[in-house]
Amino acid sequence: MYHNWPSQLPGDVELWAVELPGRGSRLSEPPFKSMGPLVDAAAQALAPHLDLPFALFGHSMGAMISFELTRRLRDYGSTPFGLFVSGRRAPHILDEDPPTYNLPEPLLIDKLRRMNGTPRQVLEDTEMMRFLLPILRADFSVCQTYRYQSGPPLDVPITAYGGTEDDGETPDLLEEWRHHTTAELSLRLLPGNHFFLHSSQQALLRMLSGELNVLVDRVETCSLLS
């Protein structure tokens, strides 16, 4: 989903898409089923490469990973100059819906159908779903077993993106991200449901590009002053 982003981001921004186990070239690796080991592995893999100013972006499950990764990287002495969270409520607010990662296959497929994030032809392809369901179950398990552990707020500006028609991740839940930073929180709403980053991709990338430029200028100014 991020393949066409580089051409629409500022020219001095290098996009690194994190590929989790169970996907793409890592298809043979078992997917993570809980947040802690996932974030540990990501932090250890990324930390040696973060020698330039960097920001983190994540949508839905990726937003929670990006948040916890920022906290973990802080322990390594390396923090992003910006955190961009998309389509996900603040981490301290529990989702009270019953878990779905352990549902029987027909009920899980029905849940996916109602989420409107999986193409109908994929849901109706028995072989494809047999291949995808273990990965989806693992993702749901990461999200639904996650519990926020209290800690010092980040000293990082947070931008929270949301869809105007996303009934689950509403603006009031997105605004709760303000409790997790001592810097500013910006809330940006775009047309669409939970998957607005597809339907409103160009608008999202225009916003993201502008915000990256502002934050990069701020980082460069701080470097000059120091």
C-alpha atoms as a PDB file:
ATOM      1  CA  MET A   1       0.000   0.000   0.000  1.00  0.00           C
ATOM      2  CA  TYR A   2       2.959   2.355   0.420  1.00  0.00           C
ATOM      3  CA  HIS A   3       4.565   1.645  -2.970  1.00  0.00           C
ATOM      4  CA  ASN A   4       3.353   4.869  -4.614  1.00  0.00           C
ATOM      5  CA  TRP A   5       3.985   7.133  -1.612  1.00  0.00           C
ATOM      6  CA  PRO A   6       7.587   8.187  -2.400  1.00  0.00           C
ATOM      7  CA  SER A   7       6.560  10.098  -5.538  1.00  0.00           C
ATOM      8  CA  GLN A   8       4.067  12.135  -3.494  1.00  0.00           C
ATOM      9  CA  LEU A   9       6.296  12.942  -0.506  1.00  0.00           C
ATOM     10  CA  PRO A  10       8.977  15.663  -0.320  1.00  0.00           C
ATOM     11  CA  GLY A  11      12.037  14.800  -2.398  1.00  0.00           C
ATOM     12  CA  ASP A  12      14.351  14.756   0.610  1.00  0.00           C
ATOM     13  CA  VAL A  13      12.194  12.206   2.443  1.00  0.00           C
ATOM     14  CA  GLU A  14      13.237   8.563   2.151  1.00  0.00           C
ATOM     15  CA  LEU A  15      10.365   6.163   2.829  1.00  0.00           C
ATOM     16  CA  TRP A  16      11.126   2.954   4.687  1.00  0.00           C
ATOM     17  CA  ALA A  17       8.178   0.551   4.829  1.00  0.00           C
ATOM     18  CA  VAL A  18       8.527  -1.954   7.655  1.00  0.00           C
ATOM     19  CA  GLU A  19       7.700  -5.476   6.491  1.00  0.00           C
ATOM     20  CA  LEU A  20       6.537  -7.674   9.350  1.00  0.00           C
ATOM     21  CA  PRO A  21       7.011 -11.457   9.468  1.00  0.00           C
ATOM     22  CA  GLY A  22       4.335 -13.327   7.520  1.00  0.00           C
ATOM     23  CA  ARG A  23       4.268 -10.786   4.674  1.00  0.00           C
ATOM     24  CA  GLY A  24       6.010 -10.255   1.348  1.00  0.00           C
ATOM     25  CA  SER A  25       9.569 -11.533   1.346  1.00  0.00           C
ATOM     26  CA  ARG A  26       9.097 -12.704   4.966  1.00  0.00           C
ATOM     27  CA  LEU A  27       6.126 -14.898   4.138  1.00  0.00           C
ATOM     28  CA  SER A  28       7.714 -18.053   5.556  1.00  0.00           C
ATOM     29  CA  GLU A  29       8.262 -16.487   8.988  1.00  0.00           C
ATOM     30  CA  PRO A  30       5.571 -16.900  11.666  1.00  0.00           C
ATOM     31  CA  PRO A  31       3.707 -13.632  12.342  1.00  0.00           C
ATOM     32  CA  PHE A  32       3.841 -11.969  15.744  1.00  0.00           C
ATOM     33  CA  LYS A  33       0.763 -12.421  17.916  1.00  0.00           C
ATOM     34  CA  SER A  34       1.527  -9.885  20.663  1.00  0.00           C
ATOM     35  CA  MET A  35       2.819  -6.337  20.742  1.00  0.00           C
ATOM     36  CA  GLY A  36       5.840  -6.646  23.043  1.00  0.00           C
ATOM     37  CA  PRO A  37       7.976  -9.083  21.013  1.00  0.00           C
ATOM     38  CA  LEU A  38       7.005  -7.317  17.780  1.00  0.00           C
ATOM     39  CA  VAL A  39       8.182  -3.917  19.043  1.00  0.00           C
ATOM     40  CA  ASP A  40      11.353  -5.391  20.551  1.00  0.00           C
ATOM     41  CA  ALA A  41      12.283  -6.921  17.202  1.00  0.00           C
ATOM     42  CA  ALA A  42      11.468  -3.747  15.276  1.00  0.00           C
ATOM     43  CA  ALA A  43      13.475  -1.535  17.631  1.00  0.00           C
ATOM     44  CA  GLN A  44      16.526  -3.802  17.471  1.00  0.00           C
ATOM     45  CA  ALA A  45      16.353  -3.939  13.668  1.00  0.00           C
ATOM     46  CA  LEU A  46      15.842  -0.203  13.127  1.00  0.00           C
ATOM     47  CA  ALA A  47      18.008   1.386  15.826  1.00  0.00           C
ATOM     48  CA  PRO A  48      21.364   0.942  13.993  1.00  0.00           C
ATOM     49  CA  HIS A  49      19.989   2.745  10.912  1.00  0.00           C
ATOM     50  CA  LEU A  50      18.496   5.826  12.575  1.00  0.00           C
ATOM     51  CA  ASP A  51      21.488   8.138  12.104  1.00  0.00           C
ATOM     52  CA  LEU A  52      19.401  10.861  10.385  1.00  0.00           C
ATOM     53  CA  PRO A  53      16.288  12.709  11.600  1.00  0.00           C
ATOM     54  CA  PHE A  54      13.293  10.425  11.181  1.00  0.00           C
ATOM     55  CA  ALA A  55       9.536  10.298  11.740  1.00  0.00           C
ATOM     56  CA  LEU A  56       7.175   7.359  12.182  1.00  0.00           C
ATOM     57  CA  PHE A  57       3.798   6.809  10.507  1.00  0.00           C
ATOM     58  CA  GLY A  58       1.365   3.988  11.196  1.00  0.00           C
ATOM     59  CA  HIS A  59      -2.265   3.259  10.378  1.00  0.00           C
ATOM     60  CA  SER A  60      -4.583   1.326  12.715  1.00  0.00           C
ATOM     61  CA  MET A  61      -2.450  -1.519  14.118  1.00  0.00           C
ATOM     62  CA  GLY A  62       0.554   0.321  12.684  1.00  0.00           C
ATOM     63  CA  ALA A  63      -0.316   3.385  14.763  1.00  0.00           C
ATOM     64  CA  MET A  64      -0.016   1.373  17.964  1.00  0.00           C
ATOM     65  CA  ILE A  65       3.217  -0.215  16.768  1.00  0.00           C
ATOM     66  CA  SER A  66       4.627   3.228  15.911  1.00  0.00           C
ATOM     67  CA  PHE A  67       3.689   4.582  19.342  1.00  0.00           C
ATOM     68  CA  GLU A  68       5.228   1.686  21.250  1.00  0.00           C
ATOM     69  CA  LEU A  69       8.235   1.725  18.927  1.00  0.00           C
ATOM     70  CA  THR A  70       8.779   5.411  19.720  1.00  0.00           C
ATOM     71  CA  ARG A  71       8.726   4.595  23.429  1.00  0.00           C
ATOM     72  CA  ARG A  72      11.152   1.706  22.927  1.00  0.00           C
ATOM     73  CA  LEU A  73      13.525   3.743  20.755  1.00  0.00           C
ATOM     74  CA  ARG A  74      13.558   6.378  23.488  1.00  0.00           C
ATOM     75  CA  ASP A  75      15.260   3.745  25.637  1.00  0.00           C
ATOM     76  CA  TYR A  76      17.917   3.468  22.902  1.00  0.00           C
ATOM     77  CA  GLY A  77      18.438   7.240  23.038  1.00  0.00           C
ATOM     78  CA  SER A  78      16.818   7.798  19.644  1.00  0.00           C
ATOM     79  CA  THR A  79      13.425   9.442  19.113  1.00  0.00           C
ATOM     80  CA  PRO A  80      11.597  10.596  15.982  1.00  0.00           C
ATOM     81  CA  PHE A  81      11.012  14.281  15.299  1.00  0.00           C
ATOM     82  CA  GLY A  82       7.352  13.468  14.627  1.00  0.00           C
ATOM     83  CA  LEU A  83       4.849  10.673  15.240  1.00  0.00           C
ATOM     84  CA  PHE A  84       1.946  10.287  12.798  1.00  0.00           C
ATOM     85  CA  VAL A  85      -0.851   8.002  13.971  1.00  0.00           C
ATOM     86  CA  SER A  86      -3.753   7.170  11.686  1.00  0.00           C
ATOM     87  CA  GLY A  87      -7.128   5.546  12.265  1.00  0.00           C
ATOM     88  CA  ARG A  88      -6.487   4.552  15.866  1.00  0.00           C
ATOM     89  CA  ARG A  89      -7.659   5.845  19.234  1.00  0.00           C
ATOM     90  CA  ALA A  90      -5.201   6.792  21.953  1.00  0.00           C
ATOM     91  CA  PRO A  91      -3.559   3.709  23.497  1.00  0.00           C
ATOM     92  CA  HIS A  92      -4.974   4.127  26.991  1.00  0.00           C
ATOM     93  CA  ILE A  93      -8.577   3.797  25.717  1.00  0.00           C
ATOM     94  CA  LEU A  94      -9.602   0.150  25.496  1.00  0.00           C
ATOM     95  CA  ASP A  95     -11.726  -1.128  22.646  1.00  0.00           C
ATOM     96  CA  GLU A  96     -14.632  -2.773  24.444  1.00  0.00           C
ATOM     97  CA  ASP A  97     -15.751  -4.840  21.446  1.00  0.00           C
ATOM     98  CA  PRO A  98     -15.329  -8.605  22.002  1.00  0.00           C
ATOM     99  CA  PRO A  99     -12.150 -10.119  20.527  1.00  0.00           C
ATOM    100  CA  THR A 100     -12.323 -11.542  17.021  1.00  0.00           C
ATOM    101  CA  TYR A 101      -8.926 -13.192  16.575  1.00  0.00           C
ATOM    102  CA  ASN A 102     -10.257 -16.487  17.958  1.00  0.00           C
ATOM    103  CA  LEU A 103     -13.572 -16.559  16.071  1.00  0.00           C
ATOM    104  CA  PRO A 104     -14.509 -19.585  13.957  1.00  0.00           C
ATOM    105  CA  GLU A 105     -13.598 -19.070  10.308  1.00  0.00           C
ATOM    106  CA  PRO A 106     -17.097 -18.187   8.990  1.00  0.00           C
ATOM    107  CA  LEU A 107     -17.645 -15.580  11.714  1.00  0.00           C
ATOM    108  CA  LEU A 108     -14.197 -14.078  11.190  1.00  0.00           C
ATOM    109  CA  ILE A 109     -14.794 -13.762   7.447  1.00  0.00           C
ATOM    110  CA  ASP A 110     -18.152 -12.126   8.154  1.00  0.00           C
ATOM    111  CA  LYS A 111     -16.396  -9.661  10.468  1.00  0.00           C
ATOM    112  CA  LEU A 112     -13.889  -8.839   7.733  1.00  0.00           C
ATOM    113  CA  ARG A 113     -16.740  -8.300   5.282  1.00  0.00           C
ATOM    114  CA  ARG A 114     -18.409  -5.799   7.628  1.00  0.00           C
ATOM    115  CA  MET A 115     -15.136  -3.910   8.108  1.00  0.00           C
ATOM    116  CA  ASN A 116     -15.099  -3.090   4.365  1.00  0.00           C
ATOM    117  CA  GLY A 117     -11.334  -3.344   4.179  1.00  0.00           C
ATOM    118  CA  THR A 118     -10.952  -6.609   2.241  1.00  0.00           C
ATOM    119  CA  PRO A 119     -12.026  -6.861  -1.420  1.00  0.00           C
ATOM    120  CA  ARG A 120     -15.112  -9.019  -1.930  1.00  0.00           C
ATOM    121  CA  GLN A 121     -13.342 -11.233  -4.479  1.00  0.00           C
ATOM    122  CA  VAL A 122     -10.671 -12.027  -1.879  1.00  0.00           C
ATOM    123  CA  LEU A 123     -13.265 -12.894   0.793  1.00  0.00           C
ATOM    124  CA  GLU A 124     -14.968 -15.258  -1.666  1.00  0.00           C
ATOM    125  CA  ASP A 125     -11.718 -16.984  -2.685  1.00  0.00           C
ATOM    126  CA  THR A 126     -11.481 -20.036  -0.420  1.00  0.00           C
ATOM    127  CA  GLU A 127      -7.814 -20.732  -1.163  1.00  0.00           C
ATOM    128  CA  MET A 128      -6.791 -17.124  -0.689  1.00  0.00           C
ATOM    129  CA  MET A 129      -8.621 -16.863   2.635  1.00  0.00           C
ATOM    130  CA  ARG A 130      -7.051 -20.087   3.869  1.00  0.00           C
ATOM    131  CA  PHE A 131      -3.697 -18.431   3.220  1.00  0.00           C
ATOM    132  CA  LEU A 132      -4.606 -14.999   4.685  1.00  0.00           C
ATOM    133  CA  LEU A 133      -6.617 -15.924   7.789  1.00  0.00           C
ATOM    134  CA  PRO A 134      -3.649 -16.994   9.977  1.00  0.00           C
ATOM    135  CA  ILE A 135      -1.967 -13.635   9.269  1.00  0.00           C
ATOM    136  CA  LEU A 136      -5.182 -11.723   9.964  1.00  0.00           C
ATOM    137  CA  ARG A 137      -5.778 -13.647  13.180  1.00  0.00           C
ATOM    138  CA  ALA A 138      -2.250 -12.802  14.315  1.00  0.00           C
ATOM    139  CA  ASP A 139      -2.812  -9.103  13.549  1.00  0.00           C
ATOM    140  CA  PHE A 140      -6.101  -9.085  15.436  1.00  0.00           C
ATOM    141  CA  SER A 141      -4.364 -10.811  18.343  1.00  0.00           C
ATOM    142  CA  VAL A 142      -1.628  -8.120  18.433  1.00  0.00           C
ATOM    143  CA  CYS A 143      -4.285  -5.400  18.609  1.00  0.00           C
ATOM    144  CA  GLN A 144      -6.823  -7.063  20.855  1.00  0.00           C
ATOM    145  CA  THR A 145      -4.422  -8.400  23.487  1.00  0.00           C
ATOM    146  CA  TYR A 146      -2.485  -5.132  23.703  1.00  0.00           C
ATOM    147  CA  ARG A 147      -2.723  -3.276  27.019  1.00  0.00           C
ATOM    148  CA  TYR A 148      -1.177   0.127  27.487  1.00  0.00           C
ATOM    149  CA  GLN A 149       1.410   0.339  30.264  1.00  0.00           C
ATOM    150  CA  SER A 150       1.636   3.784  31.846  1.00  0.00           C
ATOM    151  CA  GLY A 151       4.856   5.694  31.276  1.00  0.00           C
ATOM    152  CA  PRO A 152       6.252   9.217  30.775  1.00  0.00           C
ATOM    153  CA  PRO A 153       4.664  11.065  27.842  1.00  0.00           C
ATOM    154  CA  LEU A 154       6.702  11.486  24.687  1.00  0.00           C
ATOM    155  CA  ASP A 155       8.532  14.706  23.934  1.00  0.00           C
ATOM    156  CA  VAL A 156       7.462  14.335  20.300  1.00  0.00           C
ATOM    157  CA  PRO A 157       4.762  16.191  18.298  1.00  0.00           C
ATOM    158  CA  ILE A 158       1.902  13.837  17.430  1.00  0.00           C
ATOM    159  CA  THR A 159      -0.400  14.192  14.440  1.00  0.00           C
ATOM    160  CA  ALA A 160      -3.533  12.030  14.543  1.00  0.00           C
ATOM    161  CA  TYR A 161      -5.408  11.359  11.288  1.00  0.00           C
ATOM    162  CA  GLY A 162      -8.951  10.044  11.161  1.00  0.00           C
ATOM    163  CA  GLY A 163     -11.795   9.351   8.745  1.00  0.00           C
ATOM    164  CA  THR A 164     -14.939  11.467   9.029  1.00  0.00           C
ATOM    165  CA  GLU A 165     -17.060   8.314   8.612  1.00  0.00           C
ATOM    166  CA  ASP A 166     -15.034   6.030  10.878  1.00  0.00           C
ATOM    167  CA  ASP A 167     -17.581   5.047  13.521  1.00  0.00           C
ATOM    168  CA  GLY A 168     -15.022   3.199  15.644  1.00  0.00           C
ATOM    169  CA  GLU A 169     -12.177   5.702  15.840  1.00  0.00           C
ATOM    170  CA  THR A 170     -14.019   8.983  16.347  1.00  0.00           C
ATOM    171  CA  PRO A 171     -12.458  12.475  16.750  1.00  0.00           C
ATOM    172  CA  ASP A 172     -12.910  12.480  20.530  1.00  0.00           C
ATOM    173  CA  LEU A 173     -10.932   9.230  20.780  1.00  0.00           C
ATOM    174  CA  LEU A 174      -8.212  10.591  18.501  1.00  0.00           C
ATOM    175  CA  GLU A 175      -7.927  13.767  20.557  1.00  0.00           C
ATOM    176  CA  GLU A 176      -6.997  11.643  23.575  1.00  0.00           C
ATOM    177  CA  TRP A 177      -3.528  11.266  22.043  1.00  0.00           C
ATOM    178  CA  ARG A 178      -2.787  14.642  23.668  1.00  0.00           C
ATOM    179  CA  HIS A 179      -2.151  12.773  26.946  1.00  0.00           C
ATOM    180  CA  HIS A 180       0.844  11.023  25.388  1.00  0.00           C
ATOM    181  CA  THR A 181       2.979  13.993  24.398  1.00  0.00           C
ATOM    182  CA  THR A 182       4.443  17.044  26.090  1.00  0.00           C
ATOM    183  CA  ALA A 183       4.626  18.631  22.617  1.00  0.00           C
ATOM    184  CA  GLU A 184       1.666  19.588  20.457  1.00  0.00           C
ATOM    185  CA  LEU A 185      -1.091  17.316  19.161  1.00  0.00           C
ATOM    186  CA  SER A 186      -2.612  18.015  15.737  1.00  0.00           C
ATOM    187  CA  LEU A 187      -5.874  16.384  14.654  1.00  0.00           C
ATOM    188  CA  ARG A 188      -6.584  15.961  10.935  1.00  0.00           C
ATOM    189  CA  LEU A 189      -9.855  14.533   9.591  1.00  0.00           C
ATOM    190  CA  LEU A 190     -10.263  13.294   6.026  1.00  0.00           C
ATOM    191  CA  PRO A 191     -13.298  12.036   4.081  1.00  0.00           C
ATOM    192  CA  GLY A 192     -13.833   8.304   4.380  1.00  0.00           C
ATOM    193  CA  ASN A 193     -14.270   5.407   6.772  1.00  0.00           C
ATOM    194  CA  HIS A 194     -11.542   3.516   8.625  1.00  0.00           C
ATOM    195  CA  PHE A 195      -9.718   2.996   5.337  1.00  0.00           C
ATOM    196  CA  PHE A 196      -9.655   6.684   4.387  1.00  0.00           C
ATOM    197  CA  LEU A 197      -5.927   6.390   3.671  1.00  0.00           C
ATOM    198  CA  HIS A 198      -6.996   4.630   0.438  1.00  0.00           C
ATOM    199  CA  SER A 199      -9.997   6.758  -0.534  1.00  0.00           C
ATOM    200  CA  SER A 200      -8.349  10.070   0.474  1.00  0.00           C
ATOM    201  CA  GLN A 201      -4.737   9.102  -0.191  1.00  0.00           C
ATOM    202  CA  GLN A 202      -3.753  12.201  -2.170  1.00  0.00           C
ATOM    203  CA  ALA A 203      -5.189  14.560   0.443  1.00  0.00           C
ATOM    204  CA  LEU A 204      -3.490  12.602   3.222  1.00  0.00           C
ATOM    205  CA  LEU A 205      -0.116  12.737   1.489  1.00  0.00           C
ATOM    206  CA  ARG A 206      -0.457  16.470   0.837  1.00  0.00           C
ATOM    207  CA  MET A 207      -1.096  17.020   4.547  1.00  0.00           C
ATOM    208  CA  LEU A 208       1.699  14.661   5.561  1.00  0.00           C
ATOM    209  CA  SER A 209       4.150  16.341   3.173  1.00  0.00           C
ATOM    210  CA  GLY A 210       3.366  19.779   4.563  1.00  0.00           C
ATOM    211  CA  GLU A 211       3.715  18.626   8.150  1.00  0.00           C
ATOM    212  CA  LEU A 212       6.997  16.842   7.425  1.00  0.00           C
ATOM    213  CA  ASN A 213       8.399  20.015   5.849  1.00  0.00           C
ATOM    214  CA  VAL A 214       7.441  22.083   8.897  1.00  0.00           C
ATOM    215  CA  LEU A 215       8.930  19.588  11.339  1.00  0.00           C
ATOM    216  CA  VAL A 216      12.127  19.121   9.311  1.00  0.00           C
ATOM    217  CA  ASP A 217      12.625  22.903   9.206  1.00  0.00           C
ATOM    218  CA  ARG A 218      12.185  22.965  12.973  1.00  0.00           C
ATOM    219  CA  VAL A 219      14.773  20.222  13.446  1.00  0.00           C
ATOM    220  CA  GLU A 220      17.268  22.013  11.200  1.00  0.00           C
ATOM    221  CA  THR A 221      16.709  25.285  13.068  1.00  0.00           C
ATOM    222  CA  CYS A 222      17.335  23.554  16.400  1.00  0.00           C
ATOM    223  CA  SER A 223      20.540  22.043  15.003  1.00  0.00           C
ATOM    224  CA  LEU A 224      21.771  25.456  13.898  1.00  0.00           C
ATOM    225  CA  LEU A 225      20.979  26.976  17.286  1.00  0.00           C
ATOM    226  CA  SER A 226      22.790  24.209  19.129  1.00  0.00           C
END
